[in-house]
Amino acid sequence: MISWAVTFLIIAIIAGLLGFSGIAGTATQIAWIAFVVGIIMAIVFFLTGKRPPAI
């Protein structure tokens, strides 16, 4: 989830630089939501002792 947050943050920065404020705002909100969900999942997995699957 954190990688998705970084991806949408980069999209938001590029869209903001190019003047697409609507797309930049939406991408920023998606990045924030993905970041929060990723942090919550990391805390839950840490507390339950689960690990993500190995790639």
N, C-alpha and C. Protein backbone atom coordinates (compact mmCIF):
# COMPACT_ATOMS: atom_id res chain seq x y z
N MET A 1 0.81 -1.20 0.00
CA MET A 1 0.00 0.00 0.00
C MET A 1 0.86 1.26 0.00
N ILE A 2 1.99 1.17 0.67
CA ILE A 2 2.86 2.34 0.71
C ILE A 2 3.40 2.64 -0.69
N SER A 3 3.67 1.60 -1.48
CA SER A 3 4.15 1.84 -2.84
C SER A 3 3.08 2.52 -3.69
N TRP A 4 1.81 2.15 -3.47
CA TRP A 4 0.72 2.83 -4.17
C TRP A 4 0.63 4.29 -3.76
N ALA A 5 0.85 4.56 -2.47
CA ALA A 5 0.81 5.93 -1.98
C ALA A 5 1.90 6.76 -2.64
N VAL A 6 3.09 6.20 -2.75
CA VAL A 6 4.20 6.91 -3.39
C VAL A 6 3.90 7.15 -4.86
N THR A 7 3.32 6.14 -5.52
CA THR A 7 2.99 6.28 -6.94
C THR A 7 1.99 7.41 -7.17
N PHE A 8 0.93 7.44 -6.36
CA PHE A 8 -0.07 8.49 -6.52
C PHE A 8 0.48 9.86 -6.12
N LEU A 9 1.41 9.88 -5.17
CA LEU A 9 2.03 11.15 -4.79
C LEU A 9 2.86 11.70 -5.94
N ILE A 10 3.58 10.84 -6.63
CA ILE A 10 4.37 11.27 -7.80
C ILE A 10 3.44 11.77 -8.90
N ILE A 11 2.34 11.05 -9.12
CA ILE A 11 1.36 11.49 -10.12
C ILE A 11 0.81 12.86 -9.75
N ALA A 12 0.52 13.07 -8.47
CA ALA A 12 -0.01 14.36 -8.02
C ALA A 12 1.00 15.48 -8.23
N ILE A 13 2.27 15.21 -7.95
CA ILE A 13 3.30 16.24 -8.13
C ILE A 13 3.44 16.60 -9.60
N ILE A 14 3.47 15.60 -10.47
CA ILE A 14 3.60 15.87 -11.91
C ILE A 14 2.37 16.61 -12.42
N ALA A 15 1.18 16.18 -12.00
CA ALA A 15 -0.05 16.85 -12.45
C ALA A 15 -0.08 18.28 -11.94
N GLY A 16 0.37 18.50 -10.72
CA GLY A 16 0.41 19.86 -10.18
C GLY A 16 1.36 20.76 -10.94
N LEU A 17 2.52 20.21 -11.31
CA LEU A 17 3.49 21.00 -12.08
C LEU A 17 2.96 21.36 -13.47
N LEU A 18 2.15 20.45 -14.03
CA LEU A 18 1.60 20.70 -15.37
C LEU A 18 0.31 21.51 -15.34
N GLY A 19 -0.19 21.83 -14.14
CA GLY A 19 -1.36 22.69 -14.02
C GLY A 19 -2.68 21.97 -13.93
N PHE A 20 -2.65 20.67 -13.79
CA PHE A 20 -3.90 19.91 -13.66
C PHE A 20 -4.25 19.80 -12.18
N SER A 21 -4.84 20.85 -11.64
CA SER A 21 -5.08 20.91 -10.20
C SER A 21 -6.13 19.90 -9.75
N GLY A 22 -7.12 19.62 -10.56
CA GLY A 22 -8.15 18.64 -10.19
C GLY A 22 -7.58 17.25 -10.06
N ILE A 23 -6.78 16.85 -11.04
CA ILE A 23 -6.15 15.54 -11.01
C ILE A 23 -5.14 15.48 -9.86
N ALA A 24 -4.42 16.55 -9.63
CA ALA A 24 -3.44 16.58 -8.56
C ALA A 24 -4.12 16.44 -7.20
N GLY A 25 -5.23 17.10 -7.00
CA GLY A 25 -5.95 17.00 -5.74
C GLY A 25 -6.50 15.61 -5.51
N THR A 26 -7.05 15.02 -6.56
CA THR A 26 -7.59 13.66 -6.44
C THR A 26 -6.48 12.66 -6.16
N ALA A 27 -5.37 12.77 -6.87
CA ALA A 27 -4.25 11.86 -6.66
C ALA A 27 -3.66 12.02 -5.26
N THR A 28 -3.66 13.23 -4.75
CA THR A 28 -3.16 13.46 -3.39
C THR A 28 -4.07 12.79 -2.37
N GLN A 29 -5.38 12.90 -2.56
CA GLN A 29 -6.32 12.25 -1.64
C GLN A 29 -6.18 10.73 -1.69
N ILE A 30 -6.03 10.16 -2.88
CA ILE A 30 -5.85 8.72 -3.01
C ILE A 30 -4.55 8.30 -2.34
N ALA A 31 -3.49 9.08 -2.53
CA ALA A 31 -2.20 8.77 -1.90
C ALA A 31 -2.33 8.79 -0.38
N TRP A 32 -3.04 9.77 0.16
CA TRP A 32 -3.21 9.86 1.61
C TRP A 32 -3.99 8.66 2.15
N ILE A 33 -5.06 8.28 1.46
CA ILE A 33 -5.86 7.13 1.89
C ILE A 33 -5.03 5.85 1.82
N ALA A 34 -4.29 5.65 0.73
CA ALA A 34 -3.45 4.46 0.60
C ALA A 34 -2.38 4.42 1.68
N PHE A 35 -1.82 5.57 2.03
CA PHE A 35 -0.81 5.63 3.08
C PHE A 35 -1.40 5.24 4.43
N VAL A 36 -2.55 5.80 4.75
CA VAL A 36 -3.19 5.50 6.04
C VAL A 36 -3.57 4.02 6.12
N VAL A 37 -4.15 3.48 5.06
CA VAL A 37 -4.52 2.06 5.05
C VAL A 37 -3.27 1.19 5.18
N GLY A 38 -2.19 1.56 4.50
CA GLY A 38 -0.94 0.81 4.60
C GLY A 38 -0.37 0.82 6.00
N ILE A 39 -0.41 1.96 6.66
CA ILE A 39 0.09 2.06 8.04
C ILE A 39 -0.77 1.22 8.98
N ILE A 40 -2.10 1.28 8.81
CA ILE A 40 -2.99 0.49 9.66
C ILE A 40 -2.74 -1.00 9.44
N MET A 41 -2.58 -1.41 8.19
CA MET A 41 -2.31 -2.82 7.92
C MET A 41 -0.96 -3.25 8.50
N ALA A 42 0.04 -2.40 8.41
CA ALA A 42 1.35 -2.73 8.97
C ALA A 42 1.26 -2.90 10.49
N ILE A 43 0.50 -2.05 11.16
CA ILE A 43 0.34 -2.17 12.61
C ILE A 43 -0.40 -3.45 12.97
N VAL A 44 -1.47 -3.76 12.23
CA VAL A 44 -2.23 -4.98 12.50
C VAL A 44 -1.36 -6.21 12.27
N PHE A 45 -0.61 -6.24 11.17
CA PHE A 45 0.26 -7.38 10.90
C PHE A 45 1.36 -7.49 11.95
N PHE A 46 1.85 -6.38 12.42
CA PHE A 46 2.89 -6.41 13.46
C PHE A 46 2.33 -6.98 14.76
N LEU A 47 1.13 -6.56 15.12
CA LEU A 47 0.54 -7.03 16.36
C LEU A 47 0.12 -8.49 16.30
N THR A 48 -0.30 -8.97 15.13
CA THR A 48 -0.74 -10.36 15.01
C THR A 48 0.41 -11.29 14.63
N GLY A 49 1.55 -10.77 14.28
CA GLY A 49 2.71 -11.59 13.96
C GLY A 49 2.71 -12.13 12.55
N LYS A 50 1.86 -11.62 11.68
CA LYS A 50 1.82 -12.10 10.29
C LYS A 50 2.84 -11.33 9.47
N ARG A 51 3.31 -12.00 8.43
CA ARG A 51 4.26 -11.36 7.51
C ARG A 51 3.67 -11.38 6.11
N PRO A 52 4.03 -10.40 5.29
CA PRO A 52 3.56 -10.42 3.90
C PRO A 52 4.23 -11.56 3.15
N PRO A 53 3.60 -12.06 2.09
CA PRO A 53 4.20 -13.17 1.35
C PRO A 53 5.51 -12.74 0.69
N ALA A 54 6.44 -13.66 0.64
CA ALA A 54 7.74 -13.39 0.02
C ALA A 54 7.58 -13.37 -1.49
N ILE A 55 8.24 -12.44 -2.11
CA ILE A 55 8.14 -12.30 -3.57
C ILE A 55 9.29 -13.03 -4.22
